[in-house]
Amino acid sequence: KIYVAGSGNRRLCMWRLLAIYFPERWAVMKVRFVHVNTVRRLLEMFDTKCQGNYVQLREHGILVGKFVGKSENGDGFDTDPGVCWPEVQGLFGQIRSSGQA
């Protein structure tokens, strides 16, 4: 099993958005593999029910019903809700269609 750690959910969320909307530039991420025992308290960080399949956003500690999954439109199941964040969909959609990325 491979765990992603050290980047934090905010960075993971941004990288997922970039990879989804601009895969030609952001589809690959450089990673460093380390043994699970070398990261202090690693397993305590994995408290999500979704097993890391998506990032659920919070504002001021409160869940707000916005998600970033593994793809733009999702799979129709709980494993990938897609990008469910209207403000980001609009902004990234505009940038992608204008060719500015």
N, C-alpha and C. Protein backbone atom coordinates (compact mmCIF):
# COMPACT_ATOMS: atom_id res chain seq x y z
N LYS A 1 0.85 -1.18 0.00
CA LYS A 1 0.00 0.00 0.00
C LYS A 1 0.89 1.23 0.00
N ILE A 2 0.52 2.24 -0.78
CA ILE A 2 1.28 3.48 -0.87
C ILE A 2 0.47 4.59 -0.23
N TYR A 3 1.09 5.31 0.70
CA TYR A 3 0.46 6.46 1.35
C TYR A 3 1.09 7.73 0.79
N VAL A 4 0.26 8.75 0.62
CA VAL A 4 0.77 10.06 0.21
C VAL A 4 0.80 10.92 1.47
N ALA A 5 1.98 11.40 1.82
CA ALA A 5 2.10 12.17 3.05
C ALA A 5 3.09 13.30 2.86
N GLY A 6 3.01 14.25 3.75
CA GLY A 6 3.97 15.34 3.74
C GLY A 6 3.55 16.51 2.89
N SER A 7 2.54 16.35 2.04
CA SER A 7 2.14 17.45 1.18
C SER A 7 0.96 18.22 1.76
N GLY A 8 0.14 17.59 2.55
CA GLY A 8 -1.02 18.25 3.12
C GLY A 8 -2.18 18.26 2.14
N ASN A 9 -3.38 18.32 2.66
CA ASN A 9 -4.56 18.26 1.81
C ASN A 9 -4.72 19.46 0.91
N ARG A 10 -4.27 20.64 1.34
CA ARG A 10 -4.40 21.82 0.47
C ARG A 10 -3.56 21.66 -0.79
N ARG A 11 -2.33 21.19 -0.62
CA ARG A 11 -1.47 20.98 -1.79
C ARG A 11 -2.00 19.84 -2.65
N LEU A 12 -2.46 18.77 -2.02
CA LEU A 12 -3.03 17.65 -2.77
C LEU A 12 -4.23 18.12 -3.57
N CYS A 13 -5.07 18.92 -2.98
CA CYS A 13 -6.26 19.44 -3.65
C CYS A 13 -5.87 20.29 -4.86
N MET A 14 -4.92 21.18 -4.69
CA MET A 14 -4.48 22.03 -5.80
C MET A 14 -3.84 21.19 -6.91
N TRP A 15 -2.99 20.24 -6.53
CA TRP A 15 -2.37 19.40 -7.55
C TRP A 15 -3.43 18.61 -8.31
N ARG A 16 -4.42 18.08 -7.62
CA ARG A 16 -5.49 17.34 -8.31
C ARG A 16 -6.23 18.25 -9.29
N LEU A 17 -6.53 19.47 -8.86
CA LEU A 17 -7.23 20.39 -9.77
C LEU A 17 -6.39 20.68 -11.01
N LEU A 18 -5.11 20.95 -10.81
CA LEU A 18 -4.23 21.22 -11.95
C LEU A 18 -4.13 20.00 -12.86
N ALA A 19 -4.01 18.82 -12.29
CA ALA A 19 -3.90 17.60 -13.09
C ALA A 19 -5.19 17.30 -13.85
N ILE A 20 -6.33 17.62 -13.26
CA ILE A 20 -7.61 17.38 -13.92
C ILE A 20 -7.83 18.37 -15.07
N TYR A 21 -7.61 19.64 -14.83
CA TYR A 21 -7.90 20.67 -15.82
C TYR A 21 -6.77 20.92 -16.82
N PHE A 22 -5.54 20.63 -16.45
CA PHE A 22 -4.40 20.89 -17.32
C PHE A 22 -3.44 19.70 -17.31
N PRO A 23 -3.90 18.52 -17.74
CA PRO A 23 -3.09 17.31 -17.65
C PRO A 23 -1.81 17.35 -18.48
N GLU A 24 -1.80 18.14 -19.53
CA GLU A 24 -0.59 18.21 -20.36
C GLU A 24 0.60 18.79 -19.61
N ARG A 25 0.33 19.57 -18.57
CA ARG A 25 1.42 20.17 -17.78
C ARG A 25 1.54 19.60 -16.38
N TRP A 26 0.46 19.03 -15.84
CA TRP A 26 0.45 18.68 -14.43
C TRP A 26 0.05 17.24 -14.14
N ALA A 27 0.11 16.35 -15.10
CA ALA A 27 -0.34 14.97 -14.89
C ALA A 27 0.66 14.13 -14.09
N VAL A 28 1.90 14.55 -14.02
CA VAL A 28 2.92 13.76 -13.34
C VAL A 28 3.47 14.54 -12.16
N MET A 29 3.63 13.86 -11.05
CA MET A 29 4.20 14.48 -9.86
C MET A 29 5.41 13.66 -9.42
N LYS A 30 6.48 14.33 -9.11
CA LYS A 30 7.68 13.67 -8.62
C LYS A 30 7.49 13.35 -7.13
N VAL A 31 7.75 12.11 -6.77
CA VAL A 31 7.59 11.70 -5.38
C VAL A 31 8.84 10.99 -4.89
N ARG A 32 8.97 10.91 -3.60
CA ARG A 32 10.07 10.18 -2.97
C ARG A 32 9.44 9.12 -2.08
N PHE A 33 9.86 7.88 -2.25
CA PHE A 33 9.34 6.79 -1.45
C PHE A 33 10.19 6.62 -0.19
N VAL A 34 9.52 6.50 0.94
CA VAL A 34 10.20 6.23 2.20
C VAL A 34 9.41 5.13 2.92
N HIS A 35 10.05 4.47 3.86
CA HIS A 35 9.38 3.43 4.64
C HIS A 35 8.37 4.08 5.57
N VAL A 36 7.25 3.42 5.77
CA VAL A 36 6.17 3.97 6.59
C VAL A 36 6.64 4.30 8.01
N ASN A 37 7.60 3.58 8.53
CA ASN A 37 8.07 3.83 9.90
C ASN A 37 8.97 5.06 10.03
N THR A 38 9.40 5.64 8.92
CA THR A 38 10.28 6.80 9.00
C THR A 38 9.51 8.12 9.14
N VAL A 39 8.22 8.10 8.95
CA VAL A 39 7.40 9.31 9.08
C VAL A 39 6.65 9.22 10.40
N ARG A 40 6.96 10.14 11.27
CA ARG A 40 6.35 10.13 12.60
C ARG A 40 4.85 10.36 12.53
N ARG A 41 4.10 9.52 13.21
CA ARG A 41 2.63 9.63 13.31
C ARG A 41 1.92 9.55 11.97
N LEU A 42 2.50 8.90 10.98
CA LEU A 42 1.91 8.85 9.64
C LEU A 42 0.51 8.24 9.65
N LEU A 43 0.37 7.10 10.26
CA LEU A 43 -0.93 6.42 10.21
C LEU A 43 -2.03 7.17 10.93
N GLU A 44 -1.68 8.05 11.86
CA GLU A 44 -2.69 8.88 12.53
C GLU A 44 -3.31 9.90 11.58
N MET A 45 -2.58 10.25 10.52
CA MET A 45 -3.07 11.25 9.57
C MET A 45 -4.18 10.71 8.68
N PHE A 46 -4.27 9.40 8.55
CA PHE A 46 -5.24 8.81 7.62
C PHE A 46 -6.53 8.51 8.34
N ASP A 47 -7.37 9.54 8.44
CA ASP A 47 -8.62 9.41 9.17
C ASP A 47 -9.83 9.61 8.28
N THR A 48 -9.65 9.61 6.96
CA THR A 48 -10.78 9.82 6.06
C THR A 48 -11.52 8.52 5.80
N LYS A 49 -12.81 8.63 5.63
CA LYS A 49 -13.63 7.46 5.31
C LYS A 49 -13.52 7.09 3.83
N CYS A 50 -13.05 8.02 3.00
CA CYS A 50 -12.99 7.79 1.55
C CYS A 50 -11.67 7.17 1.11
N GLN A 51 -10.77 6.90 2.06
CA GLN A 51 -9.46 6.30 1.74
C GLN A 51 -8.64 7.17 0.80
N GLY A 52 -8.85 8.48 0.84
CA GLY A 52 -8.08 9.41 0.01
C GLY A 52 -8.55 9.53 -1.42
N ASN A 53 -9.73 9.00 -1.74
CA ASN A 53 -10.23 9.08 -3.11
C ASN A 53 -10.66 10.49 -3.50
N TYR A 54 -10.97 11.31 -2.53
CA TYR A 54 -11.32 12.70 -2.81
C TYR A 54 -10.96 13.56 -1.62
N VAL A 55 -10.93 14.87 -1.85
CA VAL A 55 -10.69 15.84 -0.79
C VAL A 55 -12.02 16.55 -0.53
N GLN A 56 -12.46 16.55 0.71
CA GLN A 56 -13.69 17.25 1.07
C GLN A 56 -13.29 18.56 1.74
N LEU A 57 -13.80 19.66 1.23
CA LEU A 57 -13.40 20.98 1.71
C LEU A 57 -14.13 21.39 2.97
N ARG A 58 -13.40 22.15 3.77
CA ARG A 58 -13.94 22.75 4.98
C ARG A 58 -13.66 24.25 4.93
N GLU A 59 -14.57 25.00 5.48
CA GLU A 59 -14.36 26.43 5.67
C GLU A 59 -14.53 26.71 7.16
N HIS A 60 -13.48 27.18 7.79
CA HIS A 60 -13.48 27.44 9.24
C HIS A 60 -13.83 26.18 10.02
N GLY A 61 -13.34 25.04 9.53
CA GLY A 61 -13.54 23.77 10.21
C GLY A 61 -14.88 23.10 9.95
N ILE A 62 -15.71 23.70 9.11
CA ILE A 62 -17.04 23.16 8.84
C ILE A 62 -17.08 22.60 7.42
N LEU A 63 -17.56 21.36 7.26
CA LEU A 63 -17.70 20.76 5.94
C LEU A 63 -18.72 21.56 5.13
N VAL A 64 -18.37 21.87 3.88
CA VAL A 64 -19.22 22.75 3.09
C VAL A 64 -19.79 22.10 1.83
N GLY A 65 -19.64 20.80 1.68
CA GLY A 65 -20.26 20.11 0.55
C GLY A 65 -19.53 20.32 -0.77
N LYS A 66 -18.26 20.67 -0.73
CA LYS A 66 -17.45 20.83 -1.93
C LYS A 66 -16.38 19.74 -1.92
N PHE A 67 -16.16 19.13 -3.09
CA PHE A 67 -15.25 18.00 -3.20
C PHE A 67 -14.34 18.16 -4.40
N VAL A 68 -13.15 17.57 -4.31
CA VAL A 68 -12.27 17.42 -5.46
C VAL A 68 -11.89 15.95 -5.51
N GLY A 69 -12.38 15.28 -6.53
CA GLY A 69 -12.10 13.86 -6.69
C GLY A 69 -10.91 13.62 -7.60
N LYS A 70 -10.96 12.52 -8.34
CA LYS A 70 -9.85 12.14 -9.20
C LYS A 70 -10.07 12.52 -10.66
N SER A 71 -11.25 13.01 -10.99
CA SER A 71 -11.54 13.39 -12.37
C SER A 71 -12.51 14.57 -12.36
N GLU A 72 -12.72 15.16 -13.52
CA GLU A 72 -13.57 16.35 -13.58
C GLU A 72 -15.04 16.03 -13.31
N ASN A 73 -15.54 14.95 -13.89
CA ASN A 73 -16.96 14.64 -13.80
C ASN A 73 -17.31 13.51 -12.85
N GLY A 74 -16.32 12.82 -12.32
CA GLY A 74 -16.57 11.74 -11.39
C GLY A 74 -17.01 10.47 -12.06
N ASP A 75 -17.25 9.46 -11.23
CA ASP A 75 -17.63 8.15 -11.75
C ASP A 75 -19.07 7.79 -11.43
N GLY A 76 -19.80 8.68 -10.78
CA GLY A 76 -21.18 8.39 -10.42
C GLY A 76 -21.33 7.56 -9.16
N PHE A 77 -20.22 7.24 -8.54
CA PHE A 77 -20.23 6.46 -7.30
C PHE A 77 -19.53 7.27 -6.21
N ASP A 78 -19.46 6.72 -5.03
CA ASP A 78 -18.82 7.41 -3.91
C ASP A 78 -17.31 7.45 -4.02
N THR A 79 -16.72 6.66 -4.94
CA THR A 79 -15.27 6.62 -5.01
C THR A 79 -14.67 7.84 -5.70
N ASP A 80 -15.42 8.52 -6.55
CA ASP A 80 -14.92 9.72 -7.23
C ASP A 80 -16.09 10.66 -7.52
N PRO A 81 -16.30 11.66 -6.67
CA PRO A 81 -17.39 12.60 -6.91
C PRO A 81 -17.08 13.61 -8.01
N GLY A 82 -15.85 13.61 -8.52
CA GLY A 82 -15.46 14.61 -9.50
C GLY A 82 -15.15 15.93 -8.82
N VAL A 83 -15.17 17.00 -9.58
CA VAL A 83 -14.95 18.34 -9.01
C VAL A 83 -16.32 18.93 -8.73
N CYS A 84 -16.66 19.03 -7.47
CA CYS A 84 -17.94 19.60 -7.02
C CYS A 84 -17.63 20.87 -6.26
N TRP A 85 -17.25 21.88 -7.01
CA TRP A 85 -16.86 23.17 -6.43
C TRP A 85 -17.10 24.20 -7.52
N PRO A 86 -18.31 24.77 -7.58
CA PRO A 86 -18.71 25.65 -8.69
C PRO A 86 -17.74 26.78 -9.01
N GLU A 87 -17.19 27.43 -7.99
CA GLU A 87 -16.28 28.55 -8.24
C GLU A 87 -15.03 28.09 -8.99
N VAL A 88 -14.50 26.96 -8.60
CA VAL A 88 -13.29 26.42 -9.25
C VAL A 88 -13.62 25.92 -10.65
N GLN A 89 -14.76 25.26 -10.80
CA GLN A 89 -15.17 24.79 -12.12
C GLN A 89 -15.24 25.96 -13.10
N GLY A 90 -15.82 27.06 -12.66
CA GLY A 90 -15.92 28.23 -13.52
C GLY A 90 -14.57 28.84 -13.84
N LEU A 91 -13.76 29.05 -12.82
CA LEU A 91 -12.45 29.68 -13.01
C LEU A 91 -11.53 28.82 -13.87
N PHE A 92 -11.37 27.55 -13.50
CA PHE A 92 -10.48 26.68 -14.27
C PHE A 92 -11.01 26.42 -15.67
N GLY A 93 -12.34 26.35 -15.81
CA GLY A 93 -12.93 26.20 -17.13
C GLY A 93 -12.63 27.39 -18.03
N GLN A 94 -12.72 28.60 -17.48
CA GLN A 94 -12.39 29.81 -18.24
C GLN A 94 -10.92 29.82 -18.67
N ILE A 95 -10.04 29.50 -17.75
CA ILE A 95 -8.60 29.51 -18.06
C ILE A 95 -8.31 28.47 -19.13
N ARG A 96 -8.90 27.29 -19.00
CA ARG A 96 -8.65 26.22 -19.98
C ARG A 96 -9.18 26.62 -21.36
N SER A 97 -10.36 27.19 -21.42
CA SER A 97 -10.93 27.54 -22.73
C SER A 97 -10.22 28.73 -23.37
N SER A 98 -9.59 29.59 -22.56
CA SER A 98 -8.88 30.73 -23.12
C SER A 98 -7.46 30.36 -23.59
N GLY A 99 -7.01 29.17 -23.20
CA GLY A 99 -5.67 28.73 -23.59
C GLY A 99 -4.56 29.41 -22.84
N GLN A 100 -4.84 30.01 -21.71
CA GLN A 100 -3.83 30.76 -20.94
C GLN A 100 -2.97 29.88 -20.04
N ALA A 101 -3.38 28.65 -19.84
CA ALA A 101 -2.65 27.79 -18.89
C ALA A 101 -1.33 27.33 -19.43
